[in-house]
N, C-alpha and C. Protein backbone atom coordinates (compact mmCIF):
# COMPACT_ATOMS: atom_id res chain seq x y z
N MET A 1 108.54 100.58 5.61
CA MET A 1 107.90 101.69 4.93
C MET A 1 108.73 102.96 5.17
N TRP A 2 108.86 103.76 4.13
CA TRP A 2 109.56 105.04 4.18
C TRP A 2 108.51 106.13 4.05
N THR A 3 108.61 107.19 4.87
CA THR A 3 107.63 108.27 4.81
C THR A 3 108.30 109.64 4.87
N TYR A 4 107.61 110.62 4.31
CA TYR A 4 108.02 112.02 4.35
C TYR A 4 106.73 112.82 4.39
N GLU A 5 106.73 113.91 5.18
CA GLU A 5 105.55 114.76 5.26
C GLU A 5 105.96 116.22 5.33
N HIS A 6 105.19 117.06 4.65
CA HIS A 6 105.44 118.50 4.65
C HIS A 6 104.09 119.21 4.68
N SER A 7 104.02 120.35 5.38
CA SER A 7 102.77 121.10 5.43
C SER A 7 103.03 122.59 5.23
N ILE A 8 102.02 123.27 4.71
CA ILE A 8 102.06 124.71 4.55
C ILE A 8 100.66 125.26 4.83
N VAL A 9 100.59 126.57 4.98
CA VAL A 9 99.32 127.26 5.17
C VAL A 9 99.15 128.22 4.01
N THR A 10 97.92 128.30 3.49
CA THR A 10 97.61 129.20 2.40
C THR A 10 96.35 129.98 2.72
N ALA A 11 96.22 131.15 2.12
CA ALA A 11 95.01 131.95 2.27
C ALA A 11 93.86 131.37 1.44
N ALA A 12 94.17 130.50 0.50
CA ALA A 12 93.14 129.89 -0.34
C ALA A 12 92.24 128.98 0.49
N SER A 13 90.98 128.92 0.11
CA SER A 13 90.03 128.05 0.80
C SER A 13 90.29 126.59 0.44
N PRO A 14 89.80 125.65 1.26
CA PRO A 14 89.93 124.24 0.89
C PRO A 14 89.29 123.94 -0.47
N GLY A 15 88.22 124.63 -0.79
CA GLY A 15 87.57 124.42 -2.08
C GLY A 15 88.46 124.83 -3.25
N ALA A 16 89.19 125.92 -3.08
CA ALA A 16 90.10 126.37 -4.14
C ALA A 16 91.26 125.40 -4.31
N VAL A 17 91.80 124.90 -3.21
CA VAL A 17 92.89 123.93 -3.29
C VAL A 17 92.35 122.64 -3.90
N TRP A 18 91.18 122.20 -3.45
CA TRP A 18 90.58 120.99 -4.00
C TRP A 18 90.41 121.11 -5.51
N GLY A 19 90.01 122.28 -5.99
CA GLY A 19 89.86 122.48 -7.42
C GLY A 19 91.14 122.25 -8.19
N CYS A 20 92.27 122.54 -7.57
CA CYS A 20 93.57 122.29 -8.21
C CYS A 20 93.88 120.80 -8.29
N TYR A 21 93.41 120.02 -7.32
CA TYR A 21 93.58 118.58 -7.35
C TYR A 21 92.62 117.94 -8.36
N ALA A 22 91.37 118.39 -8.36
CA ALA A 22 90.31 117.74 -9.13
C ALA A 22 90.42 117.96 -10.64
N ASP A 23 91.20 118.95 -11.06
CA ASP A 23 91.34 119.25 -12.48
C ASP A 23 92.73 118.82 -12.95
N PRO A 24 92.82 117.70 -13.68
CA PRO A 24 94.14 117.20 -14.08
C PRO A 24 94.92 118.18 -14.95
N ALA A 25 94.25 119.06 -15.65
CA ALA A 25 94.95 120.05 -16.49
C ALA A 25 95.74 121.04 -15.64
N VAL A 26 95.36 121.21 -14.38
CA VAL A 26 96.01 122.18 -13.50
C VAL A 26 97.26 121.60 -12.83
N TRP A 27 97.37 120.28 -12.70
CA TRP A 27 98.50 119.68 -11.99
C TRP A 27 99.85 120.17 -12.50
N PRO A 28 100.09 120.23 -13.82
CA PRO A 28 101.40 120.72 -14.27
C PRO A 28 101.67 122.18 -13.90
N GLU A 29 100.63 122.96 -13.58
CA GLU A 29 100.84 124.34 -13.14
C GLU A 29 101.51 124.40 -11.78
N TRP A 30 101.20 123.45 -10.92
CA TRP A 30 101.75 123.50 -9.56
C TRP A 30 102.82 122.44 -9.32
N ASP A 31 102.91 121.43 -10.18
CA ASP A 31 103.94 120.40 -10.02
C ASP A 31 104.86 120.45 -11.23
N GLU A 32 106.01 121.11 -11.08
CA GLU A 32 106.93 121.30 -12.20
C GLU A 32 107.50 120.00 -12.73
N GLU A 33 107.42 118.92 -11.96
CA GLU A 33 107.91 117.61 -12.40
C GLU A 33 106.97 116.98 -13.44
N MET A 34 105.70 117.43 -13.45
CA MET A 34 104.68 116.76 -14.24
C MET A 34 104.46 117.44 -15.58
N ALA A 35 104.63 116.67 -16.64
CA ALA A 35 104.34 117.17 -17.98
C ALA A 35 102.84 117.08 -18.26
N GLU A 36 102.20 116.00 -17.78
CA GLU A 36 100.78 115.78 -18.05
C GLU A 36 100.22 114.77 -17.07
N LEU A 37 98.96 114.97 -16.71
CA LEU A 37 98.22 114.01 -15.90
C LEU A 37 96.97 113.66 -16.68
N ARG A 38 96.78 112.37 -16.95
CA ARG A 38 95.61 111.92 -17.71
C ARG A 38 94.80 110.97 -16.85
N LEU A 39 93.49 111.20 -16.80
CA LEU A 39 92.59 110.32 -16.06
C LEU A 39 91.75 109.52 -17.03
N ASP A 40 91.40 108.29 -16.64
CA ASP A 40 90.57 107.42 -17.47
C ASP A 40 89.08 107.60 -17.20
N GLY A 41 88.73 108.59 -16.40
CA GLY A 41 87.33 108.86 -16.07
C GLY A 41 87.28 110.11 -15.22
N PRO A 42 86.10 110.41 -14.67
CA PRO A 42 85.95 111.58 -13.81
C PRO A 42 86.82 111.45 -12.55
N PHE A 43 87.34 112.58 -12.08
CA PHE A 43 88.18 112.59 -10.89
C PHE A 43 87.39 112.08 -9.70
N GLY A 44 87.96 111.16 -8.96
CA GLY A 44 87.34 110.64 -7.75
C GLY A 44 87.98 109.31 -7.37
N ALA A 45 87.58 108.81 -6.23
CA ALA A 45 88.13 107.53 -5.76
C ALA A 45 87.85 106.44 -6.79
N GLY A 46 88.88 105.67 -7.08
CA GLY A 46 88.76 104.56 -8.01
C GLY A 46 89.20 104.86 -9.43
N VAL A 47 89.34 106.14 -9.77
CA VAL A 47 89.76 106.47 -11.14
C VAL A 47 91.24 106.13 -11.31
N THR A 48 91.57 105.64 -12.48
CA THR A 48 92.95 105.35 -12.82
C THR A 48 93.40 106.33 -13.90
N GLY A 49 94.69 106.32 -14.17
CA GLY A 49 95.21 107.20 -15.19
C GLY A 49 96.70 107.03 -15.34
N ALA A 50 97.31 108.02 -15.96
CA ALA A 50 98.75 108.00 -16.16
C ALA A 50 99.30 109.39 -15.89
N MET A 51 100.43 109.43 -15.21
CA MET A 51 101.13 110.69 -15.02
C MET A 51 102.42 110.61 -15.82
N HIS A 52 102.68 111.68 -16.53
CA HIS A 52 103.89 111.74 -17.33
C HIS A 52 104.80 112.78 -16.69
N LEU A 53 105.86 112.31 -16.05
CA LEU A 53 106.85 113.19 -15.45
C LEU A 53 107.94 113.44 -16.48
N TYR A 54 108.48 114.65 -16.48
CA TYR A 54 109.54 114.97 -17.44
C TYR A 54 110.68 113.97 -17.31
N GLY A 55 111.15 113.47 -18.43
CA GLY A 55 112.30 112.58 -18.46
C GLY A 55 112.00 111.13 -18.13
N LEU A 56 110.74 110.80 -17.87
CA LEU A 56 110.36 109.42 -17.55
C LEU A 56 109.20 108.98 -18.43
N PRO A 57 109.07 107.68 -18.66
CA PRO A 57 107.88 107.21 -19.37
C PRO A 57 106.65 107.40 -18.48
N PRO A 58 105.46 107.47 -19.06
CA PRO A 58 104.24 107.61 -18.24
C PRO A 58 104.14 106.49 -17.21
N LEU A 59 103.64 106.85 -16.03
CA LEU A 59 103.45 105.90 -14.93
C LEU A 59 101.96 105.76 -14.64
N ALA A 60 101.48 104.53 -14.55
CA ALA A 60 100.09 104.28 -14.19
C ALA A 60 99.90 104.63 -12.71
N PHE A 61 98.74 105.17 -12.38
CA PHE A 61 98.43 105.46 -10.99
C PHE A 61 96.93 105.33 -10.79
N ALA A 62 96.53 105.32 -9.53
CA ALA A 62 95.11 105.25 -9.18
C ALA A 62 94.83 106.20 -8.04
N VAL A 63 93.68 106.84 -8.09
CA VAL A 63 93.20 107.62 -6.95
C VAL A 63 92.46 106.62 -6.06
N VAL A 64 93.00 106.37 -4.90
CA VAL A 64 92.42 105.33 -4.03
C VAL A 64 91.44 105.90 -3.01
N GLU A 65 91.51 107.20 -2.80
CA GLU A 65 90.61 107.85 -1.84
C GLU A 65 90.50 109.30 -2.24
N ALA A 66 89.28 109.85 -2.22
CA ALA A 66 89.08 111.26 -2.53
C ALA A 66 87.83 111.75 -1.80
N THR A 67 88.03 112.77 -0.97
CA THR A 67 86.92 113.39 -0.26
C THR A 67 87.01 114.88 -0.52
N GLU A 68 86.01 115.41 -1.22
CA GLU A 68 86.03 116.81 -1.63
C GLU A 68 86.33 117.74 -0.46
N ARG A 69 87.24 118.69 -0.71
CA ARG A 69 87.65 119.72 0.25
C ARG A 69 88.41 119.18 1.45
N GLN A 70 88.68 117.84 1.49
CA GLN A 70 89.38 117.24 2.62
C GLN A 70 90.67 116.56 2.22
N GLY A 71 90.70 115.88 1.07
CA GLY A 71 91.94 115.25 0.67
C GLY A 71 91.76 114.08 -0.25
N LEU A 72 92.91 113.54 -0.66
CA LEU A 72 92.94 112.41 -1.56
C LEU A 72 94.23 111.63 -1.35
N SER A 73 94.23 110.41 -1.87
CA SER A 73 95.42 109.57 -1.87
C SER A 73 95.55 108.94 -3.24
N THR A 74 96.79 108.85 -3.72
CA THR A 74 97.05 108.17 -4.99
C THR A 74 98.11 107.10 -4.76
N GLU A 75 98.10 106.09 -5.62
CA GLU A 75 99.10 105.03 -5.55
C GLU A 75 99.65 104.75 -6.93
N THR A 76 100.95 104.52 -6.97
CA THR A 76 101.65 104.11 -8.18
C THR A 76 102.51 102.91 -7.83
N ALA A 77 102.39 101.84 -8.60
CA ALA A 77 103.19 100.64 -8.38
C ALA A 77 104.35 100.63 -9.37
N LEU A 78 105.56 100.45 -8.86
CA LEU A 78 106.74 100.34 -9.70
C LEU A 78 106.94 98.89 -10.13
N GLU A 79 107.77 98.69 -11.13
CA GLU A 79 107.99 97.34 -11.66
C GLU A 79 108.51 96.36 -10.61
N ASP A 80 109.28 96.86 -9.63
CA ASP A 80 109.84 95.96 -8.61
C ASP A 80 108.86 95.66 -7.47
N GLY A 81 107.64 96.19 -7.57
CA GLY A 81 106.63 95.96 -6.54
C GLY A 81 106.53 97.05 -5.50
N THR A 82 107.42 98.03 -5.55
CA THR A 82 107.34 99.15 -4.62
C THR A 82 106.10 99.99 -4.94
N VAL A 83 105.36 100.37 -3.91
CA VAL A 83 104.19 101.23 -4.07
C VAL A 83 104.52 102.61 -3.54
N ILE A 84 104.27 103.62 -4.39
CA ILE A 84 104.44 105.02 -4.00
C ILE A 84 103.04 105.56 -3.74
N ARG A 85 102.84 106.06 -2.54
CA ARG A 85 101.54 106.60 -2.14
C ARG A 85 101.72 108.08 -1.80
N PHE A 86 100.90 108.92 -2.42
CA PHE A 86 100.85 110.33 -2.05
C PHE A 86 99.54 110.56 -1.32
N VAL A 87 99.61 111.14 -0.13
CA VAL A 87 98.45 111.46 0.68
C VAL A 87 98.40 112.97 0.81
N HIS A 88 97.29 113.56 0.37
CA HIS A 88 97.09 115.01 0.40
C HIS A 88 95.92 115.30 1.34
N ARG A 89 96.15 116.13 2.36
CA ARG A 89 95.11 116.46 3.33
C ARG A 89 94.91 117.97 3.39
N LEU A 90 93.64 118.38 3.52
CA LEU A 90 93.28 119.79 3.62
C LEU A 90 92.50 120.00 4.92
N THR A 91 92.88 121.04 5.65
CA THR A 91 92.18 121.37 6.90
C THR A 91 91.77 122.83 6.85
N ASP A 92 90.47 123.09 7.09
CA ASP A 92 89.96 124.46 7.18
C ASP A 92 90.64 125.19 8.33
N ARG A 93 90.94 126.45 8.10
CA ARG A 93 91.46 127.31 9.16
C ARG A 93 90.42 128.34 9.52
N ALA A 94 90.44 128.82 10.75
CA ALA A 94 89.47 129.81 11.21
C ALA A 94 89.53 131.09 10.39
N ASP A 95 90.69 131.41 9.83
CA ASP A 95 90.83 132.64 9.04
C ASP A 95 90.36 132.47 7.59
N GLY A 96 89.79 131.31 7.25
CA GLY A 96 89.29 131.07 5.90
C GLY A 96 90.29 130.39 5.00
N GLY A 97 91.52 130.28 5.46
CA GLY A 97 92.56 129.63 4.67
C GLY A 97 92.56 128.12 4.89
N THR A 98 93.66 127.51 4.47
CA THR A 98 93.76 126.06 4.50
C THR A 98 95.15 125.63 4.92
N ARG A 99 95.21 124.62 5.75
CA ARG A 99 96.48 123.93 6.02
C ARG A 99 96.53 122.75 5.06
N ILE A 100 97.60 122.70 4.26
CA ILE A 100 97.80 121.62 3.28
C ILE A 100 98.91 120.72 3.79
N VAL A 101 98.67 119.43 3.80
CA VAL A 101 99.67 118.44 4.17
C VAL A 101 99.84 117.47 3.01
N HIS A 102 101.07 117.28 2.58
CA HIS A 102 101.39 116.25 1.58
C HIS A 102 102.32 115.25 2.24
N ARG A 103 101.96 113.99 2.12
CA ARG A 103 102.74 112.90 2.70
C ARG A 103 103.11 111.94 1.58
N VAL A 104 104.35 111.49 1.58
CA VAL A 104 104.83 110.51 0.62
C VAL A 104 105.15 109.24 1.41
N GLU A 105 104.62 108.11 0.95
CA GLU A 105 104.88 106.82 1.58
C GLU A 105 105.40 105.86 0.51
N LEU A 106 106.48 105.18 0.81
CA LEU A 106 107.01 104.15 -0.08
C LEU A 106 107.00 102.84 0.69
N ASP A 107 106.49 101.81 0.05
CA ASP A 107 106.43 100.50 0.67
C ASP A 107 106.88 99.47 -0.36
N GLY A 108 107.87 98.68 -0.02
CA GLY A 108 108.35 97.64 -0.93
C GLY A 108 109.86 97.65 -1.06
N PRO A 109 110.37 96.92 -2.03
CA PRO A 109 111.81 96.71 -2.16
C PRO A 109 112.65 97.98 -2.29
N SER A 110 112.11 99.02 -2.94
CA SER A 110 112.89 100.25 -3.15
C SER A 110 112.58 101.34 -2.12
N ALA A 111 111.77 101.01 -1.12
CA ALA A 111 111.43 102.01 -0.10
C ALA A 111 112.68 102.46 0.63
N GLY A 112 112.83 103.75 0.82
CA GLY A 112 113.98 104.31 1.51
C GLY A 112 114.74 105.26 0.60
N GLU A 113 115.93 105.61 1.03
CA GLU A 113 116.80 106.45 0.22
C GLU A 113 117.52 105.56 -0.78
N PRO A 114 117.84 105.98 -1.96
CA PRO A 114 117.71 107.35 -2.45
C PRO A 114 116.37 107.66 -3.10
N LEU A 115 115.55 106.62 -3.42
CA LEU A 115 114.29 106.86 -4.13
C LEU A 115 113.38 107.81 -3.35
N GLY A 116 113.22 107.59 -2.06
CA GLY A 116 112.35 108.45 -1.27
C GLY A 116 112.76 109.90 -1.32
N GLY A 117 114.05 110.15 -1.16
CA GLY A 117 114.53 111.52 -1.21
C GLY A 117 114.33 112.16 -2.57
N GLU A 118 114.50 111.36 -3.62
CA GLU A 118 114.31 111.87 -4.99
C GLU A 118 112.85 112.26 -5.22
N ILE A 119 111.93 111.46 -4.71
CA ILE A 119 110.50 111.74 -4.88
C ILE A 119 110.06 112.89 -3.99
N ALA A 120 110.52 112.90 -2.75
CA ALA A 120 110.07 113.92 -1.78
C ALA A 120 110.75 115.27 -1.97
N GLY A 121 111.93 115.30 -2.56
CA GLY A 121 112.67 116.56 -2.70
C GLY A 121 111.88 117.71 -3.28
N PRO A 122 111.12 117.51 -4.36
CA PRO A 122 110.38 118.61 -4.96
C PRO A 122 109.07 118.98 -4.24
N VAL A 123 108.67 118.22 -3.24
CA VAL A 123 107.37 118.42 -2.60
C VAL A 123 107.19 119.83 -2.02
N PRO A 124 108.12 120.38 -1.22
CA PRO A 124 107.88 121.72 -0.68
C PRO A 124 107.66 122.79 -1.76
N ALA A 125 108.45 122.77 -2.82
CA ALA A 125 108.28 123.76 -3.88
C ALA A 125 106.95 123.57 -4.59
N ALA A 126 106.56 122.32 -4.83
CA ALA A 126 105.28 122.05 -5.47
C ALA A 126 104.12 122.54 -4.60
N MET A 127 104.24 122.38 -3.30
CA MET A 127 103.19 122.85 -2.40
C MET A 127 103.09 124.37 -2.40
N ARG A 128 104.23 125.04 -2.46
CA ARG A 128 104.19 126.52 -2.54
C ARG A 128 103.49 126.96 -3.83
N ARG A 129 103.79 126.27 -4.94
CA ARG A 129 103.13 126.61 -6.21
C ARG A 129 101.64 126.26 -6.14
N LEU A 130 101.29 125.14 -5.52
CA LEU A 130 99.89 124.77 -5.36
C LEU A 130 99.14 125.87 -4.62
N ALA A 131 99.71 126.35 -3.52
CA ALA A 131 99.08 127.42 -2.76
C ALA A 131 98.91 128.67 -3.62
N ALA A 132 99.92 129.02 -4.39
CA ALA A 132 99.86 130.22 -5.23
C ALA A 132 98.79 130.07 -6.32
N VAL A 133 98.75 128.90 -6.95
CA VAL A 133 97.74 128.66 -8.00
C VAL A 133 96.34 128.70 -7.40
N ALA A 134 96.14 128.06 -6.24
CA ALA A 134 94.83 128.06 -5.58
C ALA A 134 94.41 129.48 -5.19
N GLU A 135 95.36 130.26 -4.68
CA GLU A 135 95.05 131.64 -4.31
C GLU A 135 94.67 132.45 -5.53
N ALA A 136 95.38 132.28 -6.63
CA ALA A 136 95.06 133.02 -7.86
C ALA A 136 93.71 132.61 -8.43
N ARG A 137 93.38 131.33 -8.34
CA ARG A 137 92.09 130.85 -8.86
C ARG A 137 90.93 131.29 -8.00
N SER A 138 91.17 131.63 -6.73
CA SER A 138 90.08 132.00 -5.84
C SER A 138 89.81 133.51 -5.84
N ARG A 139 90.58 134.26 -6.59
CA ARG A 139 90.35 135.72 -6.65
C ARG A 139 89.21 136.06 -7.56
């Protein structure tokens, strides 16, 4: 298994950050790689959908775990059997803000570099935009 993890702190509340996750229309605002996120039902554990990243065909994914204001996990299976898992965690801070952690896990034949680095590379910038969008939405 290949893993990568990055964390940041934002003044936005966990609820404001959660709102950015729970609304698929907002994902392209904070993830520049994503052209569109489509869900096959209401956001929550068990929902499936497709993410369309720029320059790639849509990829099927599933939300495998979702706990409001705390975090979620998604999984995408590649054709070679490799599973890409994104784990997003939110922790309340005493100052009213939130510590955001995004973890990328790859398991299977393509786990490792260069795929892992290609997927994880944009994560810090996406997290900074997520924090900015959540802060703007909470004003």
